[in-house]
Amino acid sequence: MKLTVIIPIYNEASTLAVLLERVQAVEVDKEIIVVDDGSDQATKEELSQAISDDITLLTHPENRGKGTAIRTALAQASGDAVIIQDADLEYFPEDYASLLKVYVENDASAVYGVRDLSRRSRLMRWGNQSMTLATNLLYGYHLHDMETCYKLINRQLFQSLDLQSRRFEIEAEITAKLLRSGVKILEAPIRYEHR
């Protein structure tokens, strides 16, 4: 099974080289698609040094938002499943394997990584819990972390969602469209280090 890793980047010069190394080191069959979403010059310079032959680089001349960057990469994706990877080193690419295990063993269509936010600020916990609760109430589901970046989804299903969001609201749109379609979203614990 081949995994497409989508990495939207906006002004992440200080973290992107390390992140790309870690993604490349994960021992799964994968394609890596990076979208430079109108980043600053420092990020562009870092990207020019960090990009290798096994990474597809797509660019937006100006910042168009995380949602647009994801949609740009998704149109080029060819893997069996897709995962979104933020470039800020808050998430651990090494966790792909545990998400893929749940995906494969359960013949799943979608697996969300669940973060332990118990040691994060009250505001962050409250915001995430509120969004997740609203989603659960609206769709009669029981998710634990709707706002997680790690959404591993069957590529054909992902591409069929007709996503429209331009910015961070894409997280809610993805989940809403999956649940409205009757897709069962499985969950697996992941590590998370707030920066």
Protein backbone atom coordinates (compact mmCIF):
# COMPACT_ATOMS: atom_id res chain seq x y z
CA MET A 1 0.00 0.00 0.00
CA LYS A 2 1.29 3.43 -0.94
CA LEU A 3 0.79 6.48 1.28
CA THR A 4 0.64 10.05 -0.04
CA VAL A 5 1.97 12.54 2.50
CA ILE A 6 0.68 16.07 1.89
CA ILE A 7 2.75 18.81 3.52
CA PRO A 8 1.39 22.37 3.29
CA ILE A 9 4.16 24.85 4.14
CA TYR A 10 3.89 28.51 5.00
CA ASN A 11 6.91 30.27 6.56
CA GLU A 12 8.42 27.19 8.21
CA ALA A 13 12.12 27.76 7.46
CA SER A 14 13.24 26.68 10.93
CA THR A 15 11.54 23.27 10.90
CA LEU A 16 11.03 22.06 7.37
CA ALA A 17 14.43 20.43 6.73
CA VAL A 18 14.18 18.31 9.88
CA LEU A 19 10.56 17.49 9.14
CA LEU A 20 11.30 16.37 5.57
CA GLU A 21 14.15 14.16 6.80
CA ARG A 22 11.83 12.53 9.34
CA VAL A 23 9.07 11.98 6.77
CA GLN A 24 11.56 10.49 4.30
CA ALA A 25 12.92 8.16 7.00
CA VAL A 26 9.53 6.58 7.72
CA GLU A 27 9.68 3.07 6.31
CA VAL A 28 6.45 2.93 4.35
CA ASP A 29 5.91 3.06 0.60
CA LYS A 30 5.07 6.73 0.06
CA GLU A 31 5.00 9.76 -2.13
CA ILE A 32 5.64 13.16 -0.55
CA ILE A 33 3.91 16.26 -1.92
CA VAL A 34 4.98 19.61 -0.50
CA VAL A 35 3.00 22.76 -1.23
CA ASP A 36 4.83 26.03 -0.63
CA ASP A 37 1.90 28.30 0.06
CA GLY A 38 3.50 31.67 -0.73
CA SER A 39 6.18 31.43 1.95
CA ASP A 40 8.80 34.03 2.80
CA GLN A 41 12.24 34.08 1.19
CA ALA A 42 13.91 32.24 4.09
CA THR A 43 11.52 29.31 3.66
CA LYS A 44 11.98 29.28 -0.11
CA GLU A 45 15.76 29.12 0.35
CA GLU A 46 15.47 26.33 2.90
CA LEU A 47 13.12 24.44 0.58
CA SER A 48 15.53 24.72 -2.34
CA GLN A 49 18.15 22.95 -0.23
CA ALA A 50 15.84 20.40 1.40
CA ILE A 51 13.86 19.19 -1.62
CA SER A 52 15.12 15.96 -3.16
CA ASP A 53 14.09 13.79 -6.10
CA ASP A 54 11.58 11.81 -4.03
CA ILE A 55 9.60 14.95 -3.11
CA THR A 56 7.14 16.71 -5.40
CA LEU A 57 7.14 20.48 -4.82
CA LEU A 58 4.12 22.53 -5.82
CA THR A 59 4.00 26.28 -5.27
CA HIS A 60 1.47 29.03 -4.79
CA PRO A 61 2.87 32.48 -5.69
CA GLU A 62 0.97 34.01 -2.76
CA ASN A 63 -0.49 32.64 0.46
CA ARG A 64 -3.85 31.02 -0.28
CA GLY A 65 -4.38 29.11 2.97
CA LYS A 66 -3.91 25.60 4.33
CA GLY A 67 -7.15 24.37 2.78
CA THR A 68 -6.16 25.51 -0.69
CA ALA A 69 -2.69 23.97 -0.27
CA ILE A 70 -4.23 20.64 0.72
CA ARG A 71 -6.60 20.77 -2.25
CA THR A 72 -3.69 21.56 -4.61
CA ALA A 73 -1.71 18.55 -3.38
CA LEU A 74 -4.73 16.26 -3.24
CA ALA A 75 -5.31 16.80 -6.97
CA GLN A 76 -1.82 15.35 -7.61
CA ALA A 77 -1.99 12.48 -5.09
CA SER A 78 -1.67 8.93 -6.41
CA GLY A 79 -1.25 6.82 -3.27
CA ASP A 80 -3.81 4.40 -1.91
CA ALA A 81 -4.28 6.57 1.17
CA VAL A 82 -3.45 10.17 2.05
CA ILE A 83 -2.29 11.79 5.28
CA ILE A 84 -1.80 15.49 6.01
CA GLN A 85 1.45 16.50 7.72
CA ASP A 86 1.93 19.99 9.17
CA ALA A 87 5.49 21.30 8.84
CA ASP A 88 5.88 22.65 12.38
CA LEU A 89 7.17 19.48 14.11
CA GLU A 90 4.17 19.23 16.44
CA TYR A 91 3.29 15.82 15.01
CA PHE A 92 5.50 12.74 14.69
CA PRO A 93 5.80 11.16 11.21
CA GLU A 94 6.95 8.00 12.98
CA ASP A 95 3.27 7.52 13.95
CA TYR A 96 2.23 6.83 10.34
CA ALA A 97 2.86 3.13 10.94
CA SER A 98 0.38 2.84 13.81
CA LEU A 99 -2.29 4.74 11.85
CA LEU A 100 -1.69 2.55 8.78
CA LYS A 101 -1.92 -0.57 10.93
CA VAL A 102 -5.42 0.43 12.10
CA TYR A 103 -6.33 1.38 8.53
CA VAL A 104 -5.22 -1.93 6.99
CA GLU A 105 -6.31 -4.30 9.75
CA ASN A 106 -9.83 -2.83 9.80
CA ASP A 107 -10.16 -2.30 6.03
CA ALA A 108 -10.92 1.30 7.01
CA SER A 109 -11.64 4.33 4.87
CA ALA A 110 -10.48 6.91 7.43
CA VAL A 111 -8.34 6.88 10.58
CA TYR A 112 -7.80 9.96 12.74
CA GLY A 113 -4.84 10.39 15.07
CA VAL A 114 -5.96 11.35 18.58
CA ARG A 115 -3.73 13.69 20.56
CA ASP A 116 -3.41 13.76 24.34
CA LEU A 117 -4.08 17.43 25.07
CA SER A 118 -4.33 17.05 28.85
CA ARG A 119 -1.14 19.04 29.45
CA ARG A 120 -2.00 21.83 27.03
CA SER A 121 -3.48 25.20 27.91
CA ARG A 122 -7.10 25.34 29.00
CA LEU A 123 -7.91 27.53 26.03
CA MET A 124 -6.49 25.02 23.56
CA ARG A 125 -8.25 22.11 25.25
CA TRP A 126 -11.53 24.02 25.43
CA GLY A 127 -11.36 25.04 21.78
CA ASN A 128 -10.64 21.51 20.58
CA GLN A 129 -13.24 19.96 22.87
CA SER A 130 -15.87 22.49 21.75
CA MET A 131 -15.27 21.83 18.05
CA THR A 132 -15.24 18.07 18.58
CA LEU A 133 -18.40 18.18 20.72
CA ALA A 134 -20.21 20.30 18.11
CA THR A 135 -19.22 17.80 15.42
CA ASN A 136 -20.39 14.87 17.52
CA LEU A 137 -23.73 16.53 18.27
CA LEU A 138 -24.33 17.53 14.66
CA TYR A 139 -23.49 14.14 13.18
CA GLY A 140 -24.35 11.74 16.00
CA TYR A 141 -20.80 10.46 16.21
CA HIS A 142 -18.20 10.05 18.95
CA LEU A 143 -14.87 11.48 17.80
CA HIS A 144 -12.19 12.42 20.34
CA ASP A 145 -10.14 14.90 18.28
CA MET A 146 -11.82 16.40 15.23
CA GLU A 147 -9.15 19.09 14.79
CA THR A 148 -6.25 16.63 14.52
CA CYS A 149 -3.92 17.17 11.58
CA TYR A 150 -3.40 13.42 11.15
CA LYS A 151 -6.37 12.39 9.05
CA LEU A 152 -5.44 9.26 7.09
CA ILE A 153 -8.07 8.78 4.38
CA ASN A 154 -8.54 6.57 1.35
CA ARG A 155 -7.30 8.67 -1.58
CA GLN A 156 -10.24 8.11 -3.90
CA LEU A 157 -12.67 8.92 -1.10
CA PHE A 158 -10.64 12.02 -0.14
CA GLN A 159 -10.58 13.26 -3.73
CA SER A 160 -14.35 12.71 -4.05
CA LEU A 161 -15.21 15.04 -1.13
CA ASP A 162 -15.29 18.16 -3.33
CA LEU A 163 -13.52 20.25 -0.70
CA GLN A 164 -14.00 24.02 -0.92
CA SER A 165 -12.34 25.45 2.20
CA ARG A 166 -9.39 27.78 1.80
CA ARG A 167 -8.00 27.97 5.31
CA PHE A 168 -8.05 25.99 8.57
CA GLU A 169 -11.80 25.36 8.35
CA ILE A 170 -10.87 22.52 6.01
CA GLU A 171 -10.45 20.29 9.10
CA ALA A 172 -14.16 20.63 9.90
CA GLU A 173 -15.18 20.34 6.25
CA ILE A 174 -13.30 17.06 5.78
CA THR A 175 -14.88 15.55 8.88
CA ALA A 176 -18.38 16.81 8.07
CA LYS A 177 -18.27 15.44 4.52
CA LEU A 178 -16.95 12.07 5.68
CA LEU A 179 -19.64 11.71 8.34
CA ARG A 180 -22.42 12.92 6.04
CA SER A 181 -21.31 10.23 3.59
CA GLY A 182 -21.66 7.57 6.29
CA VAL A 183 -17.92 6.90 6.52
CA LYS A 184 -16.82 5.25 9.76
CA ILE A 185 -13.86 7.17 11.17
CA LEU A 186 -11.55 5.01 13.28
CA GLU A 187 -9.08 6.52 15.75
CA ALA A 188 -5.60 5.74 17.04
CA PRO A 189 -3.44 7.53 19.64
CA ILE A 190 -0.60 9.70 18.35
CA ARG A 191 2.10 11.80 19.92
CA TYR A 192 1.86 15.57 19.90
CA GLU A 193 4.31 18.27 21.01
CA HIS A 194 2.81 21.75 21.02
CA ARG A 195 5.37 24.32 19.92
